[in-house]
Amino acid sequence: MVSQSVVSRTIQQLEKYVGCELVNRNSASIHPNRMGDLVLAHARRAVAEFDRTLNAVGTAHRPLRLGYMWSTLDERMLTTVRAWERQHPGFPISTHRTDDRLAGLTDGSVDLGLVREPPPTPFQTRLLLRERLCVAVPADHPFSTRNTLRLRDLCRETVVFNTASDTNLSDLWTSVGTPRDLLHVATYDDWFFGIATGKGIGLTPASTAGMSSLPAIVYVELEDAPTVALQLAWKPPGGHAALDAFVRHAVDAFGAS
């Protein structure tokens, strides 16, 4: 613990260096004045940047860890990662799949994650794209021959819902009604199994439909549902030397696709 006398001497030395008083002093307390607040704000940013530098140096020896849910990985991200590793062979990407809306960010097991819903503070995000939802139906379901569907078409159906990673469905049905029932499952594999065996239908972003094709499941475009976001999320200031560069690379790659 730093003694009061040491703190006082340090402040006095700093005031001498900058040429003005930085604190208001009275017999009961001491607190920063206007110039002190300015110096304190700059000092905090400098300390944070120094910590960021130390973190970057300490992580440069390991891969950049990218977390993702089953509904966030598509061909464009695979292409983005391949291009990154060709251009930056010293910073490979290590992927971690999880049934978690924050893609492993909460427990620190990844450096950044592909997520659908906005994460809570203090996580930061960059939007990669917005896309339509599709309806996943059993291959023998009457919907399987349709080119498109609307939300009201789903109101007599059971919807298989992955509680761990699916986008929140509560805002989808407003004036059109609600599904007959929700079948809650806990994993990606159970979601697939439930639909493939005829227990219900499911909703998934259009891009992942192409990555998750099974003969037992057909994907039909949903016309009137709101689009869903795909974004990169991380906890500032960022824990890997290549994080900022990869985020810029991914945003540029998706913008050009």
Protein backbone atom coordinates (compact mmCIF):
# COMPACT_ATOMS: atom_id res chain seq x y z
CA MET A 1 0.00 0.00 0.00
CA VAL A 2 1.36 3.44 -0.96
CA SER A 3 1.54 5.88 1.94
CA GLN A 4 -0.14 9.30 1.85
CA SER A 5 3.21 11.07 2.02
CA VAL A 6 4.44 9.25 -1.09
CA VAL A 7 1.25 10.15 -2.95
CA SER A 8 1.59 13.80 -1.94
CA ARG A 9 5.22 13.99 -3.06
CA THR A 10 4.37 12.33 -6.37
CA ILE A 11 1.56 14.80 -7.05
CA GLN A 12 3.82 17.73 -6.16
CA GLN A 13 6.51 16.47 -8.53
CA LEU A 14 3.93 16.10 -11.31
CA GLU A 15 2.60 19.63 -10.66
CA LYS A 16 6.13 20.98 -10.84
CA TYR A 17 6.66 19.18 -14.14
CA VAL A 18 3.44 20.45 -15.81
CA GLY A 19 3.68 23.92 -14.27
CA CYS A 20 0.28 24.12 -12.57
CA GLU A 21 -1.71 22.75 -9.65
CA LEU A 22 -3.62 19.53 -10.37
CA VAL A 23 -5.63 19.09 -7.17
CA ASN A 24 -7.76 21.14 -4.82
CA ARG A 25 -6.45 20.84 -1.27
CA ASN A 26 -8.23 21.47 2.01
CA SER A 27 -7.94 20.12 5.52
CA ALA A 28 -10.51 17.35 4.94
CA SER A 29 -9.81 16.03 1.46
CA ILE A 30 -7.92 16.30 -1.78
CA HIS A 31 -9.45 15.88 -5.24
CA PRO A 32 -8.48 16.72 -8.84
CA ASN A 33 -9.22 20.15 -10.25
CA ARG A 34 -10.05 20.79 -13.91
CA MET A 35 -6.45 20.35 -15.06
CA GLY A 36 -6.08 17.32 -12.80
CA ASP A 37 -9.07 15.66 -14.41
CA LEU A 38 -7.51 16.27 -17.84
CA VAL A 39 -4.17 14.75 -16.81
CA LEU A 40 -5.93 11.81 -15.11
CA ALA A 41 -7.96 11.01 -18.24
CA HIS A 42 -4.82 10.99 -20.41
CA ALA A 43 -2.94 8.91 -17.83
CA ARG A 44 -5.66 6.28 -17.73
CA ARG A 45 -5.63 5.97 -21.52
CA ALA A 46 -1.83 5.68 -21.46
CA VAL A 47 -1.94 2.91 -18.83
CA ALA A 48 -4.64 1.07 -20.78
CA GLU A 49 -2.59 1.28 -23.98
CA PHE A 50 0.50 0.03 -22.14
CA ASP A 51 -1.49 -2.94 -20.81
CA ARG A 52 -2.73 -3.58 -24.33
CA THR A 53 0.85 -3.57 -25.60
CA LEU A 54 1.92 -6.09 -22.97
CA ASN A 55 -1.06 -8.31 -23.82
CA ALA A 56 -0.26 -8.15 -27.52
CA VAL A 57 3.38 -9.12 -26.98
CA GLY A 58 2.36 -11.92 -24.63
CA THR A 59 -0.10 -13.46 -27.12
CA ALA A 60 1.90 -13.14 -30.33
CA HIS A 61 3.21 -16.71 -29.96
CA ARG A 62 -0.20 -18.42 -30.11
CA PRO A 63 -3.05 -18.63 -32.67
CA LEU A 64 -5.90 -16.14 -32.66
CA ARG A 65 -8.81 -18.03 -31.07
CA LEU A 66 -12.12 -17.55 -32.93
CA GLY A 67 -15.31 -18.85 -31.30
CA TYR A 68 -18.48 -19.55 -33.25
CA MET A 69 -21.94 -21.01 -32.85
CA TRP A 70 -23.39 -23.53 -35.29
CA SER A 71 -25.50 -20.81 -36.91
CA THR A 72 -22.68 -18.34 -37.57
CA LEU A 73 -20.15 -20.16 -39.73
CA ASP A 74 -20.60 -19.95 -43.49
CA GLU A 75 -18.55 -20.19 -46.66
CA ARG A 76 -17.63 -16.49 -46.58
CA MET A 77 -16.02 -16.82 -43.15
CA LEU A 78 -14.11 -19.91 -44.28
CA THR A 79 -12.84 -17.95 -47.28
CA THR A 80 -11.96 -15.02 -45.01
CA VAL A 81 -9.92 -17.24 -42.68
CA ARG A 82 -8.10 -18.92 -45.58
CA ALA A 83 -7.16 -15.53 -47.05
CA TRP A 84 -6.00 -14.26 -43.66
CA GLU A 85 -3.73 -17.24 -43.05
CA ARG A 86 -2.18 -16.90 -46.51
CA GLN A 87 -1.42 -13.23 -45.85
CA HIS A 88 -0.43 -13.64 -42.17
CA PRO A 89 1.25 -17.06 -41.77
CA GLY A 90 2.58 -16.05 -38.35
CA PHE A 91 -0.93 -15.61 -36.94
CA PRO A 92 -3.03 -18.74 -37.67
CA ILE A 93 -6.69 -18.95 -36.63
CA SER A 94 -7.78 -21.57 -34.09
CA THR A 95 -11.56 -22.14 -34.21
CA HIS A 96 -13.72 -23.24 -31.28
CA ARG A 97 -17.34 -24.31 -31.84
CA THR A 98 -19.73 -23.88 -28.93
CA ASP A 99 -23.46 -23.94 -28.19
CA ASP A 100 -23.26 -20.52 -26.56
CA ARG A 101 -24.71 -17.21 -27.80
CA LEU A 102 -21.46 -15.40 -26.89
CA ALA A 103 -19.34 -18.05 -28.66
CA GLY A 104 -17.04 -18.64 -25.69
CA LEU A 105 -16.27 -14.99 -24.95
CA THR A 106 -17.69 -15.01 -21.42
CA ASP A 107 -15.17 -17.45 -19.96
CA GLY A 108 -12.24 -16.04 -21.95
CA SER A 109 -11.63 -19.26 -23.89
CA VAL A 110 -11.55 -17.30 -27.18
CA ASP A 111 -10.19 -13.92 -28.28
CA LEU A 112 -13.17 -12.99 -30.44
CA GLY A 113 -16.42 -14.63 -31.44
CA LEU A 114 -18.96 -14.77 -34.24
CA VAL A 115 -22.31 -13.84 -32.71
CA ARG A 116 -25.84 -13.04 -33.86
CA GLU A 117 -27.30 -10.99 -31.02
CA PRO A 118 -25.65 -7.85 -29.57
CA PRO A 119 -23.55 -8.89 -26.58
CA PRO A 120 -23.74 -6.99 -23.27
CA THR A 121 -21.30 -4.35 -22.10
CA PRO A 122 -18.28 -4.29 -22.16
CA PHE A 123 -18.03 -6.33 -25.38
CA GLN A 124 -17.47 -4.48 -28.64
CA THR A 125 -18.73 -5.58 -32.06
CA ARG A 126 -18.29 -4.99 -35.77
CA LEU A 127 -21.10 -5.90 -38.15
CA LEU A 128 -20.19 -8.27 -40.99
CA LEU A 129 -23.60 -8.69 -42.65
CA ARG A 130 -27.36 -8.92 -42.24
CA GLU A 131 -29.21 -11.83 -43.83
CA ARG A 132 -32.61 -13.47 -44.17
CA LEU A 133 -33.93 -16.39 -42.18
CA CYS A 134 -34.82 -19.73 -43.73
CA VAL A 135 -37.23 -22.39 -42.51
CA ALA A 136 -35.73 -25.85 -42.07
CA VAL A 137 -38.39 -28.52 -42.67
CA PRO A 138 -38.37 -32.32 -42.91
CA ALA A 139 -37.95 -33.48 -46.51
CA ASP A 140 -41.42 -35.07 -46.47
CA HIS A 141 -43.18 -32.01 -45.02
CA PRO A 142 -45.71 -30.20 -47.29
CA PHE A 143 -43.59 -27.04 -46.96
CA SER A 144 -40.62 -28.76 -48.60
CA THR A 145 -41.97 -28.06 -52.10
CA ARG A 146 -42.59 -24.37 -51.45
CA ASN A 147 -40.28 -21.66 -52.81
CA THR A 148 -41.03 -19.25 -49.97
CA LEU A 149 -42.94 -19.14 -46.69
CA ARG A 150 -44.38 -16.41 -44.49
CA LEU A 151 -44.54 -16.22 -40.71
CA ARG A 152 -48.28 -16.88 -40.65
CA ASP A 153 -47.62 -20.19 -42.43
CA LEU A 154 -45.70 -21.39 -39.37
CA CYS A 155 -48.41 -20.73 -36.78
CA ARG A 156 -49.78 -24.29 -36.93
CA GLU A 157 -46.33 -25.86 -36.62
CA THR A 158 -44.08 -26.99 -33.82
CA VAL A 159 -40.82 -25.03 -33.93
CA VAL A 160 -37.62 -26.72 -32.75
CA PHE A 161 -35.67 -24.12 -30.77
CA ASN A 162 -32.03 -24.43 -29.68
CA THR A 163 -32.06 -22.73 -26.27
CA ALA A 164 -28.27 -22.42 -26.17
CA SER A 165 -27.62 -20.57 -29.40
CA ASP A 166 -30.72 -19.78 -31.46
CA THR A 167 -31.68 -16.18 -32.17
CA ASN A 168 -34.46 -14.98 -29.88
CA LEU A 169 -37.80 -15.77 -31.53
CA SER A 170 -40.04 -13.79 -29.19
CA ASP A 171 -40.11 -10.71 -31.44
CA LEU A 172 -40.87 -12.60 -34.67
CA TRP A 173 -44.53 -13.28 -34.04
CA THR A 174 -46.42 -10.10 -33.27
CA SER A 175 -49.66 -9.72 -35.19
CA VAL A 176 -49.56 -13.01 -37.11
CA GLY A 177 -49.95 -15.38 -34.17
CA THR A 178 -47.55 -17.82 -32.54
CA PRO A 179 -46.34 -21.36 -33.30
CA ARG A 180 -48.48 -24.24 -32.10
CA ASP A 181 -45.66 -25.32 -29.82
CA LEU A 182 -41.92 -24.91 -29.15
CA LEU A 183 -39.68 -27.95 -28.81
CA HIS A 184 -36.67 -26.84 -26.78
CA VAL A 185 -33.35 -28.57 -27.38
CA ALA A 186 -29.90 -27.79 -26.01
CA THR A 187 -27.52 -28.50 -28.89
CA TYR A 188 -27.07 -28.09 -32.62
CA ASP A 189 -27.18 -31.86 -33.13
CA ASP A 190 -30.47 -32.17 -31.25
CA TRP A 191 -31.93 -29.35 -33.38
CA PHE A 192 -31.03 -31.25 -36.55
CA PHE A 193 -32.31 -34.53 -35.18
CA GLY A 194 -35.63 -33.03 -34.12
CA ILE A 195 -36.30 -31.59 -37.57
CA ALA A 196 -34.98 -34.55 -39.55
CA THR A 197 -37.21 -36.95 -37.61
CA GLY A 198 -40.33 -34.84 -38.15
CA LYS A 199 -40.75 -33.48 -34.65
CA GLY A 200 -41.00 -29.91 -35.94
CA ILE A 201 -39.54 -27.22 -38.17
CA GLY A 202 -36.73 -24.76 -37.39
CA LEU A 203 -35.42 -21.32 -38.29
CA THR A 204 -31.85 -20.63 -39.33
CA PRO A 205 -29.95 -17.87 -41.17
CA ALA A 206 -29.79 -18.34 -44.93
CA SER A 207 -26.00 -18.66 -45.07
CA THR A 208 -25.85 -21.58 -42.65
CA ALA A 209 -28.49 -23.48 -44.58
CA GLY A 210 -25.89 -24.09 -47.27
CA MET A 211 -23.34 -25.27 -44.69
CA SER A 212 -25.74 -27.65 -42.94
CA SER A 213 -27.33 -29.59 -45.78
CA LEU A 214 -28.77 -33.04 -45.06
CA PRO A 215 -31.03 -35.02 -47.42
CA ALA A 216 -33.60 -35.28 -44.63
CA ILE A 217 -33.95 -31.47 -44.31
CA VAL A 218 -35.05 -28.86 -46.87
CA TYR A 219 -34.54 -25.10 -46.46
CA VAL A 220 -37.20 -22.63 -47.61
CA GLU A 221 -36.80 -18.85 -47.65
CA LEU A 222 -38.88 -16.94 -45.06
CA GLU A 223 -40.18 -13.80 -46.74
CA ASP A 224 -41.39 -11.51 -43.98
CA ALA A 225 -39.08 -12.17 -41.04
CA PRO A 226 -36.59 -9.47 -39.99
CA THR A 227 -33.00 -9.98 -41.03
CA VAL A 228 -30.44 -11.27 -38.54
CA ALA A 229 -26.96 -9.89 -37.98
CA LEU A 230 -23.61 -11.63 -38.11
CA GLN A 231 -20.97 -9.76 -36.15
CA LEU A 232 -17.55 -10.16 -34.62
CA ALA A 233 -17.42 -9.50 -30.88
CA TRP A 234 -14.54 -9.16 -28.44
CA LYS A 235 -13.81 -7.79 -24.99
CA PRO A 236 -11.76 -4.59 -25.10
CA PRO A 237 -8.98 -3.76 -25.09
CA GLY A 238 -8.47 -7.08 -26.87
CA GLY A 239 -6.16 -9.86 -25.80
CA HIS A 240 -4.27 -10.81 -28.95
CA ALA A 241 -1.70 -9.06 -31.08
CA ALA A 242 -3.56 -9.80 -34.32
CA LEU A 243 -7.14 -9.10 -33.16
CA ASP A 244 -7.55 -5.59 -34.58
CA ALA A 245 -5.98 -6.55 -37.90
CA PHE A 246 -8.19 -9.63 -38.27
CA VAL A 247 -11.34 -7.63 -37.52
CA ARG A 248 -10.43 -5.11 -40.25
CA HIS A 249 -9.62 -7.98 -42.61
CA ALA A 250 -12.98 -9.69 -41.98
CA VAL A 251 -15.00 -6.48 -42.33
CA ASP A 252 -13.26 -5.72 -45.64
CA ALA A 253 -13.72 -9.30 -46.87
CA PHE A 254 -17.45 -9.38 -46.12
CA GLY A 255 -17.91 -5.93 -47.56
CA ALA A 256 -16.43 -7.12 -50.85
CA SER A 257 -18.46 -10.35 -50.98
